[in-house]
PDB file of N, CA and C in Angstrom:
ATOM      1  N   MET A   1      -4.530 -57.119 -65.053  1.00  0.00           N
ATOM      2  CA  MET A   1      -3.340 -56.899 -64.246  1.00  0.00           C
ATOM      3  C   MET A   1      -2.171 -56.624 -65.172  1.00  0.00           C
ATOM      4  N   SER A   2      -1.228 -55.853 -64.718  1.00  0.00           N
ATOM      5  CA  SER A   2      -0.063 -55.551 -65.532  1.00  0.00           C
ATOM      6  C   SER A   2       0.857 -56.762 -65.607  1.00  0.00           C
ATOM      7  N   GLU A   3       1.836 -56.661 -66.450  1.00  0.00           N
ATOM      8  CA  GLU A   3       2.776 -57.772 -66.624  1.00  0.00           C
ATOM      9  C   GLU A   3       3.557 -58.016 -65.339  1.00  0.00           C
ATOM     10  N   LEU A   4       3.880 -59.277 -65.131  1.00  0.00           N
ATOM     11  CA  LEU A   4       4.684 -59.629 -63.978  1.00  0.00           C
ATOM     12  C   LEU A   4       6.135 -59.292 -64.248  1.00  0.00           C
ATOM     13  N   PRO A   5       6.908 -59.012 -63.217  1.00  0.00           N
ATOM     14  CA  PRO A   5       8.323 -58.675 -63.413  1.00  0.00           C
ATOM     15  C   PRO A   5       9.104 -59.861 -63.967  1.00  0.00           C
ATOM     16  N   GLU A   6      10.274 -59.560 -64.505  1.00  0.00           N
ATOM     17  CA  GLU A   6      11.154 -60.611 -65.000  1.00  0.00           C
ATOM     18  C   GLU A   6      11.613 -61.470 -63.838  1.00  0.00           C
ATOM     19  N   GLU A   7      12.291 -62.543 -64.154  1.00  0.00           N
ATOM     20  CA  GLU A   7      12.771 -63.448 -63.111  1.00  0.00           C
ATOM     21  C   GLU A   7      13.704 -62.733 -62.147  1.00  0.00           C
ATOM     22  N   THR A   8      13.657 -63.175 -60.904  1.00  0.00           N
ATOM     23  CA  THR A   8      14.478 -62.557 -59.859  1.00  0.00           C
ATOM     24  C   THR A   8      15.828 -63.228 -59.707  1.00  0.00           C
ATOM     25  N   GLY A   9      15.940 -64.446 -60.217  1.00  0.00           N
ATOM     26  CA  GLY A   9      17.169 -65.208 -60.027  1.00  0.00           C
ATOM     27  C   GLY A   9      17.044 -66.218 -58.899  1.00  0.00           C
ATOM     28  N   ASP A  10      15.962 -66.156 -58.158  1.00  0.00           N
ATOM     29  CA  ASP A  10      15.705 -67.120 -57.087  1.00  0.00           C
ATOM     30  C   ASP A  10      14.421 -67.862 -57.463  1.00  0.00           C
ATOM     31  N   GLU A  11      14.538 -69.151 -57.689  1.00  0.00           N
ATOM     32  CA  GLU A  11      13.391 -69.938 -58.141  1.00  0.00           C
ATOM     33  C   GLU A  11      12.221 -69.884 -57.164  1.00  0.00           C
ATOM     34  N   ARG A  12      12.518 -69.832 -55.877  1.00  0.00           N
ATOM     35  CA  ARG A  12      11.449 -69.788 -54.875  1.00  0.00           C
ATOM     36  C   ARG A  12      10.659 -68.487 -54.991  1.00  0.00           C
ATOM     37  N   VAL A  13      11.367 -67.381 -55.131  1.00  0.00           N
ATOM     38  CA  VAL A  13      10.706 -66.080 -55.268  1.00  0.00           C
ATOM     39  C   VAL A  13       9.955 -66.018 -56.593  1.00  0.00           C
ATOM     40  N   ASP A  14      10.567 -66.511 -57.644  1.00  0.00           N
ATOM     41  CA  ASP A  14       9.901 -66.506 -58.955  1.00  0.00           C
ATOM     42  C   ASP A  14       8.581 -67.270 -58.913  1.00  0.00           C
ATOM     43  N   ALA A  15       8.551 -68.390 -58.205  1.00  0.00           N
ATOM     44  CA  ALA A  15       7.325 -69.182 -58.100  1.00  0.00           C
ATOM     45  C   ALA A  15       6.247 -68.409 -57.342  1.00  0.00           C
ATOM     46  N   ILE A  16       6.639 -67.716 -56.306  1.00  0.00           N
ATOM     47  CA  ILE A  16       5.682 -66.923 -55.528  1.00  0.00           C
ATOM     48  C   ILE A  16       5.123 -65.795 -56.377  1.00  0.00           C
ATOM     49  N   VAL A  17       6.003 -65.078 -57.069  1.00  0.00           N
ATOM     50  CA  VAL A  17       5.568 -63.969 -57.914  1.00  0.00           C
ATOM     51  C   VAL A  17       4.674 -64.481 -59.047  1.00  0.00           C
ATOM     52  N   ALA A  18       5.014 -65.613 -59.616  1.00  0.00           N
ATOM     53  CA  ALA A  18       4.199 -66.188 -60.690  1.00  0.00           C
ATOM     54  C   ALA A  18       2.796 -66.502 -60.182  1.00  0.00           C
ATOM     55  N   GLY A  19       2.683 -66.893 -58.923  1.00  0.00           N
ATOM     56  CA  GLY A  19       1.384 -67.178 -58.334  1.00  0.00           C
ATOM     57  C   GLY A  19       0.464 -65.968 -58.307  1.00  0.00           C
ATOM     58  N   LEU A  20       1.048 -64.774 -58.311  1.00  0.00           N
ATOM     59  CA  LEU A  20       0.239 -63.560 -58.331  1.00  0.00           C
ATOM     60  C   LEU A  20      -0.486 -63.407 -59.671  1.00  0.00           C
ATOM     61  N   GLY A  21      -0.030 -64.125 -60.673  1.00  0.00           N
ATOM     62  CA  GLY A  21      -0.663 -64.072 -61.981  1.00  0.00           C
ATOM     63  C   GLY A  21      -2.098 -64.566 -61.975  1.00  0.00           C
ATOM     64  N   ARG A  22      -2.467 -65.325 -60.959  1.00  0.00           N
ATOM     65  CA  ARG A  22      -3.842 -65.834 -60.900  1.00  0.00           C
ATOM     66  C   ARG A  22      -4.835 -64.797 -60.396  1.00  0.00           C
ATOM     67  N   LEU A  23      -4.360 -63.636 -59.975  1.00  0.00           N
ATOM     68  CA  LEU A  23      -5.257 -62.600 -59.466  1.00  0.00           C
ATOM     69  C   LEU A  23      -6.312 -62.200 -60.493  1.00  0.00           C
ATOM     70  N   GLY A  24      -5.926 -62.161 -61.764  1.00  0.00           N
ATOM     71  CA  GLY A  24      -6.859 -61.767 -62.805  1.00  0.00           C
ATOM     72  C   GLY A  24      -8.024 -62.721 -62.984  1.00  0.00           C
ATOM     73  N   GLU A  25      -7.870 -63.937 -62.513  1.00  0.00           N
ATOM     74  CA  GLU A  25      -8.907 -64.959 -62.656  1.00  0.00           C
ATOM     75  C   GLU A  25      -9.824 -65.026 -61.435  1.00  0.00           C
ATOM     76  N   LEU A  26      -9.446 -64.329 -60.381  1.00  0.00           N
ATOM     77  CA  LEU A  26     -10.191 -64.425 -59.123  1.00  0.00           C
ATOM     78  C   LEU A  26     -11.005 -63.166 -58.868  1.00  0.00           C
ATOM     79  N   PRO A  27     -12.095 -63.315 -58.128  1.00  0.00           N
ATOM     80  CA  PRO A  27     -12.822 -62.117 -57.720  1.00  0.00           C
ATOM     81  C   PRO A  27     -11.971 -61.308 -56.741  1.00  0.00           C
ATOM     82  N   VAL A  28     -12.174 -60.016 -56.734  1.00  0.00           N
ATOM     83  CA  VAL A  28     -11.386 -59.131 -55.869  1.00  0.00           C
ATOM     84  C   VAL A  28     -11.462 -59.566 -54.413  1.00  0.00           C
ATOM     85  N   SER A  29     -12.578 -60.104 -54.013  1.00  0.00           N
ATOM     86  CA  SER A  29     -12.740 -60.531 -52.620  1.00  0.00           C
ATOM     87  C   SER A  29     -11.746 -61.623 -52.213  1.00  0.00           C
ATOM     88  N   GLU A  30     -11.140 -62.298 -53.171  1.00  0.00           N
ATOM     89  CA  GLU A  30     -10.170 -63.353 -52.872  1.00  0.00           C
ATOM     90  C   GLU A  30      -8.724 -62.885 -53.016  1.00  0.00           C
ATOM     91  N   HIS A  31      -8.505 -61.647 -53.426  1.00  0.00           N
ATOM     92  CA  HIS A  31      -7.155 -61.138 -53.636  1.00  0.00           C
ATOM     93  C   HIS A  31      -6.354 -61.063 -52.341  1.00  0.00           C
ATOM     94  N   VAL A  32      -6.992 -60.697 -51.251  1.00  0.00           N
ATOM     95  CA  VAL A  32      -6.274 -60.579 -49.981  1.00  0.00           C
ATOM     96  C   VAL A  32      -5.623 -61.902 -49.607  1.00  0.00           C
ATOM     97  N   GLN A  33      -6.334 -62.996 -49.797  1.00  0.00           N
ATOM     98  CA  GLN A  33      -5.775 -64.313 -49.472  1.00  0.00           C
ATOM     99  C   GLN A  33      -4.539 -64.603 -50.329  1.00  0.00           C
ATOM    100  N   VAL A  34      -4.590 -64.266 -51.608  1.00  0.00           N
ATOM    101  CA  VAL A  34      -3.451 -64.491 -52.503  1.00  0.00           C
ATOM    102  C   VAL A  34      -2.256 -63.652 -52.056  1.00  0.00           C
ATOM    103  N   PHE A  35      -2.508 -62.377 -51.715  1.00  0.00           N
ATOM    104  CA  PHE A  35      -1.419 -61.512 -51.245  1.00  0.00           C
ATOM    105  C   PHE A  35      -0.853 -62.017 -49.923  1.00  0.00           C
ATOM    106  N   ASP A  36      -1.710 -62.486 -49.029  1.00  0.00           N
ATOM    107  CA  ASP A  36      -1.229 -63.033 -47.758  1.00  0.00           C
ATOM    108  C   ASP A  36      -0.332 -64.250 -47.979  1.00  0.00           C
ATOM    109  N   GLU A  37      -0.740 -65.124 -48.896  1.00  0.00           N
ATOM    110  CA  GLU A  37       0.066 -66.307 -49.203  1.00  0.00           C
ATOM    111  C   GLU A  37       1.419 -65.891 -49.779  1.00  0.00           C
ATOM    112  N   ALA A  38       1.413 -64.920 -50.675  1.00  0.00           N
ATOM    113  CA  ALA A  38       2.665 -64.452 -51.280  1.00  0.00           C
ATOM    114  C   ALA A  38       3.559 -63.827 -50.217  1.00  0.00           C
ATOM    115  N   PHE A  39       2.990 -63.000 -49.365  1.00  0.00           N
ATOM    116  CA  PHE A  39       3.753 -62.353 -48.310  1.00  0.00           C
ATOM    117  C   PHE A  39       4.385 -63.383 -47.383  1.00  0.00           C
ATOM    118  N   SER A  40       3.606 -64.372 -46.966  1.00  0.00           N
ATOM    119  CA  SER A  40       4.130 -65.421 -46.086  1.00  0.00           C
ATOM    120  C   SER A  40       5.253 -66.197 -46.769  1.00  0.00           C
ATOM    121  N   GLY A  41       5.064 -66.493 -48.045  1.00  0.00           N
ATOM    122  CA  GLY A  41       6.097 -67.209 -48.782  1.00  0.00           C
ATOM    123  C   GLY A  41       7.375 -66.407 -48.905  1.00  0.00           C
ATOM    124  N   LEU A  42       7.243 -65.115 -49.189  1.00  0.00           N
ATOM    125  CA  LEU A  42       8.426 -64.262 -49.308  1.00  0.00           C
ATOM    126  C   LEU A  42       9.124 -64.100 -47.959  1.00  0.00           C
ATOM    127  N   GLU A  43       8.346 -64.000 -46.886  1.00  0.00           N
ATOM    128  CA  GLU A  43       8.938 -63.938 -45.544  1.00  0.00           C
ATOM    129  C   GLU A  43       9.754 -65.192 -45.260  1.00  0.00           C
ATOM    130  N   SER A  44       9.221 -66.317 -45.654  1.00  0.00           N
ATOM    131  CA  SER A  44       9.885 -67.584 -45.423  1.00  0.00           C
ATOM    132  C   SER A  44      11.203 -67.678 -46.207  1.00  0.00           C
ATOM    133  N   VAL A  45      11.155 -67.242 -47.463  1.00  0.00           N
ATOM    134  CA  VAL A  45      12.367 -67.245 -48.287  1.00  0.00           C
ATOM    135  C   VAL A  45      13.415 -66.314 -47.679  1.00  0.00           C
ATOM    136  N   LEU A  46      12.985 -65.141 -47.228  1.00  0.00           N
ATOM    137  CA  LEU A  46      13.918 -64.196 -46.621  1.00  0.00           C
ATOM    138  C   LEU A  46      14.526 -64.763 -45.353  1.00  0.00           C
ATOM    139  N   ALA A  47      13.720 -65.399 -44.523  1.00  0.00           N
ATOM    140  CA  ALA A  47      14.242 -66.003 -43.290  1.00  0.00           C
ATOM    141  C   ALA A  47      15.271 -67.079 -43.605  1.00  0.00           C
ATOM    142  N   THR A  48      14.999 -67.865 -44.626  1.00  0.00           N
ATOM    143  CA  THR A  48      15.941 -68.904 -45.028  1.00  0.00           C
ATOM    144  C   THR A  48      17.248 -68.289 -45.530  1.00  0.00           C
ATOM    145  N   ALA A  49      17.140 -67.213 -46.290  1.00  0.00           N
ATOM    146  CA  ALA A  49      18.328 -66.548 -46.828  1.00  0.00           C
ATOM    147  C   ALA A  49      19.187 -65.999 -45.703  1.00  0.00           C
ATOM    148  N   VAL A  50      18.557 -65.448 -44.684  1.00  0.00           N
ATOM    149  CA  VAL A  50      19.300 -64.909 -43.536  1.00  0.00           C
ATOM    150  C   VAL A  50      19.992 -66.032 -42.790  1.00  0.00           C
ATOM    151  N   GLU A  51      19.310 -67.163 -42.624  1.00  0.00           N
ATOM    152  CA  GLU A  51      19.897 -68.301 -41.911  1.00  0.00           C
ATOM    153  C   GLU A  51      21.075 -68.894 -42.677  1.00  0.00           C
ATOM    154  N   GLU A  52      21.051 -68.804 -44.002  1.00  0.00           N
ATOM    155  CA  GLU A  52      22.117 -69.377 -44.822  1.00  0.00           C
ATOM    156  C   GLU A  52      23.396 -68.572 -44.763  1.00  0.00           C
ATOM    157  N   GLN A  53      23.306 -67.331 -44.311  1.00  0.00           N
ATOM    158  CA  GLN A  53      24.508 -66.470 -44.273  1.00  0.00           C
ATOM    159  C   GLN A  53      25.331 -66.707 -43.060  1.00  0.00           C
TER     160      GLN A  53
END
């Protein structure tokens, strides 16, 4: 897998993105679950950000 992006400035997002680093250790058949978890986490962070405004 290519290098992960630099920090985003939001610790919650950074933790989610860092979790994608485990893709290289997993069989491809398990990648969808990792992406689903990341997507759900990012949706949650975005919803929280909208509520905070």
